[in-house]
Amino acid sequence: MKILKHPLFIIVCIMAIGIYVSKISHVALPNWVYFYLGDLLCMPFVLSLCLVAVRIIKNDDSLYIPLGPIIALTAFYALYFEWLLPQYNARYTGDIIDVVMYILGSALFYVFQKRLSW
């Protein structure tokens, strides 16, 4: 699938893997990288995988994810990870800036998703 080989998707994956590896390796990075960059990268990554799945299922590389489902998935992630999980698991904390990062990531995906076809 073209999306998985696209430079934008590869950059998002490399950045996310770098953050994860540095966290488990105890490499010191600025707090904003650990706390917010992962949330910014989350929605473009998830939505790109959703787009790949839809295109495979429908066997149509010209399909795009409309704004409605993007908003719905972003709202689900925000509510689940920033409101619901913090109530049941001390490992999670609710943060409005994380919600803003999810929204920004989704907006970036919406703007760039048509470029993921070439």
C-alpha atoms as a PDB file:
ATOM      1  CA  MET A   1       0.000   0.000   0.000  1.00  0.00           C
ATOM      2  CA  LYS A   2       1.328   3.403  -0.982  1.00  0.00           C
ATOM      3  CA  ILE A   3       0.434   5.065   2.310  1.00  0.00           C
ATOM      4  CA  LEU A   4       2.710   2.820   4.333  1.00  0.00           C
ATOM      5  CA  LYS A   5       5.646   3.759   2.072  1.00  0.00           C
ATOM      6  CA  HIS A   6       4.887   7.482   2.000  1.00  0.00           C
ATOM      7  CA  PRO A   7       7.594   9.731   3.522  1.00  0.00           C
ATOM      8  CA  LEU A   8       5.085  11.512   5.822  1.00  0.00           C
ATOM      9  CA  PHE A   9       3.895   8.205   7.299  1.00  0.00           C
ATOM     10  CA  ILE A  10       7.460   6.933   7.655  1.00  0.00           C
ATOM     11  CA  ILE A  11       8.513  10.138   9.446  1.00  0.00           C
ATOM     12  CA  VAL A  12       5.591   9.823  11.884  1.00  0.00           C
ATOM     13  CA  CYS A  13       6.535   6.184  12.580  1.00  0.00           C
ATOM     14  CA  ILE A  14      10.233   6.953  13.064  1.00  0.00           C
ATOM     15  CA  MET A  15       9.441   9.812  15.444  1.00  0.00           C
ATOM     16  CA  ALA A  16       7.004   7.670  17.458  1.00  0.00           C
ATOM     17  CA  ILE A  17       9.464   4.776  17.658  1.00  0.00           C
ATOM     18  CA  GLY A  18      12.244   7.192  18.647  1.00  0.00           C
ATOM     19  CA  ILE A  19      10.146   8.587  21.484  1.00  0.00           C
ATOM     20  CA  TYR A  20       9.245   5.103  22.686  1.00  0.00           C
ATOM     21  CA  VAL A  21      12.834   3.805  22.543  1.00  0.00           C
ATOM     22  CA  SER A  22      14.203   6.887  24.285  1.00  0.00           C
ATOM     23  CA  LYS A  23      11.590   6.535  27.017  1.00  0.00           C
ATOM     24  CA  ILE A  24      12.365   2.873  27.759  1.00  0.00           C
ATOM     25  CA  SER A  25      16.110   3.575  27.450  1.00  0.00           C
ATOM     26  CA  HIS A  26      15.817   6.472  29.901  1.00  0.00           C
ATOM     27  CA  VAL A  27      17.254   8.947  27.401  1.00  0.00           C
ATOM     28  CA  ALA A  28      16.617  12.491  28.547  1.00  0.00           C
ATOM     29  CA  LEU A  29      14.435  14.420  26.136  1.00  0.00           C
ATOM     30  CA  PRO A  30      12.444  17.569  26.839  1.00  0.00           C
ATOM     31  CA  ASN A  31       9.218  16.899  28.722  1.00  0.00           C
ATOM     32  CA  TRP A  32       7.085  18.271  25.875  1.00  0.00           C
ATOM     33  CA  VAL A  33       8.433  15.491  23.627  1.00  0.00           C
ATOM     34  CA  TYR A  34       7.374  12.778  26.064  1.00  0.00           C
ATOM     35  CA  PHE A  35       4.107  14.405  27.101  1.00  0.00           C
ATOM     36  CA  TYR A  36       2.770  15.953  23.898  1.00  0.00           C
ATOM     37  CA  LEU A  37       4.568  14.903  20.718  1.00  0.00           C
ATOM     38  CA  GLY A  38       3.301  11.326  21.013  1.00  0.00           C
ATOM     39  CA  ASP A  39      -0.266  12.612  21.273  1.00  0.00           C
ATOM     40  CA  LEU A  40       0.255  14.812  18.226  1.00  0.00           C
ATOM     41  CA  LEU A  41       1.548  11.823  16.235  1.00  0.00           C
ATOM     42  CA  CYS A  42      -1.133   9.430  17.488  1.00  0.00           C
ATOM     43  CA  MET A  43      -4.044  10.489  15.311  1.00  0.00           C
ATOM     44  CA  PRO A  44      -2.134  10.747  12.005  1.00  0.00           C
ATOM     45  CA  PHE A  45      -0.756   7.253  12.650  1.00  0.00           C
ATOM     46  CA  VAL A  46      -4.108   5.711  13.626  1.00  0.00           C
ATOM     47  CA  LEU A  47      -6.034   7.473  10.867  1.00  0.00           C
ATOM     48  CA  SER A  48      -3.457   6.457   8.251  1.00  0.00           C
ATOM     49  CA  LEU A  49      -3.861   2.826   9.293  1.00  0.00           C
ATOM     50  CA  CYS A  50      -7.645   3.243   9.133  1.00  0.00           C
ATOM     51  CA  LEU A  51      -7.327   4.681   5.634  1.00  0.00           C
ATOM     52  CA  VAL A  52      -5.176   1.726   4.576  1.00  0.00           C
ATOM     53  CA  ALA A  53      -7.740  -0.697   6.003  1.00  0.00           C
ATOM     54  CA  VAL A  54     -10.655   1.023   4.253  1.00  0.00           C
ATOM     55  CA  ARG A  55      -8.807   1.054   0.947  1.00  0.00           C
ATOM     56  CA  ILE A  56      -7.925  -2.631   1.262  1.00  0.00           C
ATOM     57  CA  ILE A  57     -11.457  -3.657   2.259  1.00  0.00           C
ATOM     58  CA  LYS A  58     -13.069  -1.598  -0.511  1.00  0.00           C
ATOM     59  CA  ASN A  59     -10.236  -2.314  -2.990  1.00  0.00           C
ATOM     60  CA  ASP A  60     -10.208   1.361  -3.981  1.00  0.00           C
ATOM     61  CA  ASP A  61      -7.104   3.551  -3.631  1.00  0.00           C
ATOM     62  CA  SER A  62      -9.107   6.709  -4.330  1.00  0.00           C
ATOM     63  CA  LEU A  63     -11.064   6.608  -1.044  1.00  0.00           C
ATOM     64  CA  TYR A  64     -10.472   9.152   1.704  1.00  0.00           C
ATOM     65  CA  ILE A  65     -11.720   9.416   5.267  1.00  0.00           C
ATOM     66  CA  PRO A  66     -14.349  12.156   5.505  1.00  0.00           C
ATOM     67  CA  LEU A  67     -14.254  14.802   8.212  1.00  0.00           C
ATOM     68  CA  GLY A  68     -17.103  13.254  10.246  1.00  0.00           C
ATOM     69  CA  PRO A  69     -15.360   9.959  11.030  1.00  0.00           C
ATOM     70  CA  ILE A  70     -12.098  11.809  11.721  1.00  0.00           C
ATOM     71  CA  ILE A  71     -13.877  13.988  14.282  1.00  0.00           C
ATOM     72  CA  ALA A  72     -15.637  10.961  15.787  1.00  0.00           C
ATOM     73  CA  LEU A  73     -12.414   8.955  16.183  1.00  0.00           C
ATOM     74  CA  THR A  74     -10.609  11.967  17.630  1.00  0.00           C
ATOM     75  CA  ALA A  75     -13.426  12.503  20.134  1.00  0.00           C
ATOM     76  CA  PHE A  76     -13.312   8.820  21.073  1.00  0.00           C
ATOM     77  CA  TYR A  77      -9.548   8.934  21.709  1.00  0.00           C
ATOM     78  CA  ALA A  78      -9.846  12.157  23.691  1.00  0.00           C
ATOM     79  CA  LEU A  79     -12.687  10.862  25.862  1.00  0.00           C
ATOM     80  CA  TYR A  80     -11.201   7.409  26.352  1.00  0.00           C
ATOM     81  CA  PHE A  81      -7.585   8.351  27.068  1.00  0.00           C
ATOM     82  CA  GLU A  82      -8.066  11.741  28.724  1.00  0.00           C
ATOM     83  CA  TRP A  83     -11.293  11.260  30.668  1.00  0.00           C
ATOM     84  CA  LEU A  84     -12.270   7.612  31.131  1.00  0.00           C
ATOM     85  CA  LEU A  85      -8.919   5.852  31.674  1.00  0.00           C
ATOM     86  CA  PRO A  86      -7.633   8.380  34.242  1.00  0.00           C
ATOM     87  CA  GLN A  87     -10.670   7.571  36.386  1.00  0.00           C
ATOM     88  CA  TYR A  88      -9.798   3.868  36.519  1.00  0.00           C
ATOM     89  CA  ASN A  89      -6.024   3.664  36.169  1.00  0.00           C
ATOM     90  CA  ALA A  90      -3.475   5.843  37.983  1.00  0.00           C
ATOM     91  CA  ARG A  91      -1.045   5.377  35.085  1.00  0.00           C
ATOM     92  CA  TYR A  92      -3.175   7.711  32.959  1.00  0.00           C
ATOM     93  CA  THR A  93      -3.721  11.405  33.548  1.00  0.00           C
ATOM     94  CA  GLY A  94      -6.253  13.626  31.857  1.00  0.00           C
ATOM     95  CA  ASP A  95      -4.750  16.666  30.176  1.00  0.00           C
ATOM     96  CA  ILE A  96      -6.535  19.209  27.984  1.00  0.00           C
ATOM     97  CA  ILE A  97      -3.308  19.853  26.073  1.00  0.00           C
ATOM     98  CA  ASP A  98      -3.317  16.189  25.031  1.00  0.00           C
ATOM     99  CA  VAL A  99      -6.806  16.716  23.612  1.00  0.00           C
ATOM    100  CA  VAL A 100      -5.529  19.722  21.681  1.00  0.00           C
ATOM    101  CA  MET A 101      -2.669  17.574  20.339  1.00  0.00           C
ATOM    102  CA  TYR A 102      -5.150  14.896  19.188  1.00  0.00           C
ATOM    103  CA  ILE A 103      -7.166  17.579  17.398  1.00  0.00           C
ATOM    104  CA  LEU A 104      -4.080  19.106  15.758  1.00  0.00           C
ATOM    105  CA  GLY A 105      -2.883  15.667  14.648  1.00  0.00           C
ATOM    106  CA  SER A 106      -6.288  14.891  13.166  1.00  0.00           C
ATOM    107  CA  ALA A 107      -6.344  18.233  11.377  1.00  0.00           C
ATOM    108  CA  LEU A 108      -2.905  17.536   9.909  1.00  0.00           C
ATOM    109  CA  PHE A 109      -4.084  14.126   8.723  1.00  0.00           C
ATOM    110  CA  TYR A 110      -7.209  15.648   7.161  1.00  0.00           C
ATOM    111  CA  VAL A 111      -5.130  18.200   5.265  1.00  0.00           C
ATOM    112  CA  PHE A 112      -2.468  15.735   4.136  1.00  0.00           C
ATOM    113  CA  GLN A 113      -4.449  12.531   3.545  1.00  0.00           C
ATOM    114  CA  LYS A 114      -4.862  13.160  -0.185  1.00  0.00           C
ATOM    115  CA  ARG A 115      -1.100  13.503  -0.482  1.00  0.00           C
ATOM    116  CA  LEU A 116      -0.726   9.989   0.939  1.00  0.00           C
ATOM    117  CA  SER A 117      -1.833   8.557  -2.408  1.00  0.00           C
ATOM    118  CA  TRP A 118       1.188   9.279  -4.550  1.00  0.00           C
END
